[in-house]
Amino acid sequence: MVEKKLRDVSKRVRHPDFDAMPNRQERFRVPPSLSRPKRVFVNCHYCGYSPPGGVIPQSGICPKCGRSSWDRFALPEPLIPKHMK
């Protein structure tokens, strides 16, 4: 069974441009974090509450569920849905 798997692996066709692909470091001339303007959003990890203006309350506690775990994420401007702009 192992021998059959080894033969199948050797028969796999590699992507024709695999050897011509640049190294990972050469692909990005501008770091992705600097490529476009981004907007940062904040949500409560538990209930999904999004504070107005994206500012976490000073107490650090979610006014909706009372927990204190927040998620921050950034989206490039072109990917932000219209209802979030």
C-alpha atoms as a PDB file:
ATOM      1  CA  MET A   1       0.000   0.000   0.000  1.00  0.00           C
ATOM      2  CA  VAL A   2       2.826   2.399   0.884  1.00  0.00           C
ATOM      3  CA  GLU A   3       4.623   1.619  -2.363  1.00  0.00           C
ATOM      4  CA  LYS A   4       1.483   2.477  -4.353  1.00  0.00           C
ATOM      5  CA  LYS A   5       1.232   5.856  -2.611  1.00  0.00           C
ATOM      6  CA  LEU A   6       4.881   6.575  -3.374  1.00  0.00           C
ATOM      7  CA  ARG A   7       4.323   5.794  -7.054  1.00  0.00           C
ATOM      8  CA  ASP A   8       1.264   8.080  -7.128  1.00  0.00           C
ATOM      9  CA  VAL A   9       3.251  10.934  -5.609  1.00  0.00           C
ATOM     10  CA  SER A  10       5.949  10.642  -8.244  1.00  0.00           C
ATOM     11  CA  LYS A  11       3.315  10.827 -11.022  1.00  0.00           C
ATOM     12  CA  ARG A  12       1.909  14.160  -9.844  1.00  0.00           C
ATOM     13  CA  VAL A  13       2.403  16.961 -12.316  1.00  0.00           C
ATOM     14  CA  ARG A  14       3.932  20.128 -11.000  1.00  0.00           C
ATOM     15  CA  HIS A  15       2.597  23.496 -11.972  1.00  0.00           C
ATOM     16  CA  PRO A  16       4.454  24.578 -15.144  1.00  0.00           C
ATOM     17  CA  ASP A  17       5.360  27.980 -13.724  1.00  0.00           C
ATOM     18  CA  PHE A  18       6.295  26.708 -10.269  1.00  0.00           C
ATOM     19  CA  ASP A  19      10.021  27.020 -10.880  1.00  0.00           C
ATOM     20  CA  ALA A  20       9.616  30.450 -12.455  1.00  0.00           C
ATOM     21  CA  MET A  21       7.620  31.862  -9.521  1.00  0.00           C
ATOM     22  CA  PRO A  22       9.484  34.521  -7.545  1.00  0.00           C
ATOM     23  CA  ASN A  23      10.375  33.982  -3.934  1.00  0.00           C
ATOM     24  CA  ARG A  24       7.778  35.031  -1.409  1.00  0.00           C
ATOM     25  CA  GLN A  25       9.823  38.087  -0.431  1.00  0.00           C
ATOM     26  CA  GLU A  26      10.098  39.267  -4.034  1.00  0.00           C
ATOM     27  CA  ARG A  27       6.356  39.092  -4.751  1.00  0.00           C
ATOM     28  CA  PHE A  28       5.390  42.139  -2.684  1.00  0.00           C
ATOM     29  CA  ARG A  29       7.194  45.333  -3.557  1.00  0.00           C
ATOM     30  CA  VAL A  30       5.025  47.252  -1.096  1.00  0.00           C
ATOM     31  CA  PRO A  31       4.140  45.512   2.170  1.00  0.00           C
ATOM     32  CA  PRO A  32       0.429  44.573   2.193  1.00  0.00           C
ATOM     33  CA  SER A  33      -0.086  46.591   5.361  1.00  0.00           C
ATOM     34  CA  LEU A  34       0.925  49.774   3.498  1.00  0.00           C
ATOM     35  CA  SER A  35      -0.662  49.013   0.139  1.00  0.00           C
ATOM     36  CA  ARG A  36      -3.988  50.825   0.597  1.00  0.00           C
ATOM     37  CA  PRO A  37      -5.725  53.000   3.131  1.00  0.00           C
ATOM     38  CA  LYS A  38      -7.501  50.816   5.655  1.00  0.00           C
ATOM     39  CA  ARG A  39     -10.218  51.304   8.260  1.00  0.00           C
ATOM     40  CA  VAL A  40     -10.012  49.623  11.643  1.00  0.00           C
ATOM     41  CA  PHE A  41     -13.175  48.175  13.160  1.00  0.00           C
ATOM     42  CA  VAL A  42     -13.805  47.027  16.723  1.00  0.00           C
ATOM     43  CA  ASN A  43     -16.369  44.404  17.755  1.00  0.00           C
ATOM     44  CA  CYS A  44     -17.219  42.653  20.993  1.00  0.00           C
ATOM     45  CA  HIS A  45     -15.908  39.100  20.710  1.00  0.00           C
ATOM     46  CA  TYR A  46     -18.996  37.598  22.371  1.00  0.00           C
ATOM     47  CA  CYS A  47     -22.044  39.529  21.145  1.00  0.00           C
ATOM     48  CA  GLY A  48     -20.716  41.374  18.073  1.00  0.00           C
ATOM     49  CA  TYR A  49     -21.530  44.828  19.417  1.00  0.00           C
ATOM     50  CA  SER A  50     -19.690  47.565  17.542  1.00  0.00           C
ATOM     51  CA  PRO A  51     -19.152  50.703  19.648  1.00  0.00           C
ATOM     52  CA  PRO A  52     -19.894  54.019  17.935  1.00  0.00           C
ATOM     53  CA  GLY A  53     -16.805  55.524  16.359  1.00  0.00           C
ATOM     54  CA  GLY A  54     -14.875  52.307  16.957  1.00  0.00           C
ATOM     55  CA  VAL A  55     -13.792  53.459  20.413  1.00  0.00           C
ATOM     56  CA  ILE A  56     -13.795  50.899  23.227  1.00  0.00           C
ATOM     57  CA  PRO A  57     -15.512  52.252  26.359  1.00  0.00           C
ATOM     58  CA  GLN A  58     -13.107  53.508  29.008  1.00  0.00           C
ATOM     59  CA  SER A  59     -14.155  50.761  31.424  1.00  0.00           C
ATOM     60  CA  GLY A  60     -13.331  48.132  28.796  1.00  0.00           C
ATOM     61  CA  ILE A  61     -16.681  46.407  29.355  1.00  0.00           C
ATOM     62  CA  CYS A  62     -19.185  45.852  26.564  1.00  0.00           C
ATOM     63  CA  PRO A  63     -22.390  47.796  27.328  1.00  0.00           C
ATOM     64  CA  LYS A  64     -24.495  45.116  25.628  1.00  0.00           C
ATOM     65  CA  CYS A  65     -23.289  41.858  27.226  1.00  0.00           C
ATOM     66  CA  GLY A  66     -20.979  42.982  30.058  1.00  0.00           C
ATOM     67  CA  ARG A  67     -17.886  41.103  28.904  1.00  0.00           C
ATOM     68  CA  SER A  68     -14.497  42.609  28.137  1.00  0.00           C
ATOM     69  CA  SER A  69     -13.079  40.888  25.067  1.00  0.00           C
ATOM     70  CA  TRP A  70     -12.723  42.980  21.911  1.00  0.00           C
ATOM     71  CA  ASP A  71     -11.706  42.053  18.375  1.00  0.00           C
ATOM     72  CA  ARG A  72      -9.971  44.555  16.115  1.00  0.00           C
ATOM     73  CA  PHE A  73      -9.741  44.060  12.375  1.00  0.00           C
ATOM     74  CA  ALA A  74      -8.769  46.210   9.419  1.00  0.00           C
ATOM     75  CA  LEU A  75     -10.310  46.236   5.964  1.00  0.00           C
ATOM     76  CA  PRO A  76      -8.966  47.967   2.855  1.00  0.00           C
ATOM     77  CA  GLU A  77     -11.297  50.762   1.708  1.00  0.00           C
ATOM     78  CA  PRO A  78     -12.378  48.976  -1.508  1.00  0.00           C
ATOM     79  CA  LEU A  79     -13.545  45.915   0.466  1.00  0.00           C
ATOM     80  CA  ILE A  80     -15.715  47.761   2.988  1.00  0.00           C
ATOM     81  CA  PRO A  81     -19.417  47.030   2.367  1.00  0.00           C
ATOM     82  CA  LYS A  82     -21.610  50.048   1.613  1.00  0.00           C
ATOM     83  CA  HIS A  83     -23.614  49.665   4.837  1.00  0.00           C
ATOM     84  CA  MET A  84     -20.396  50.036   6.881  1.00  0.00           C
ATOM     85  CA  LYS A  85     -19.130  53.227   5.211  1.00  0.00           C
END
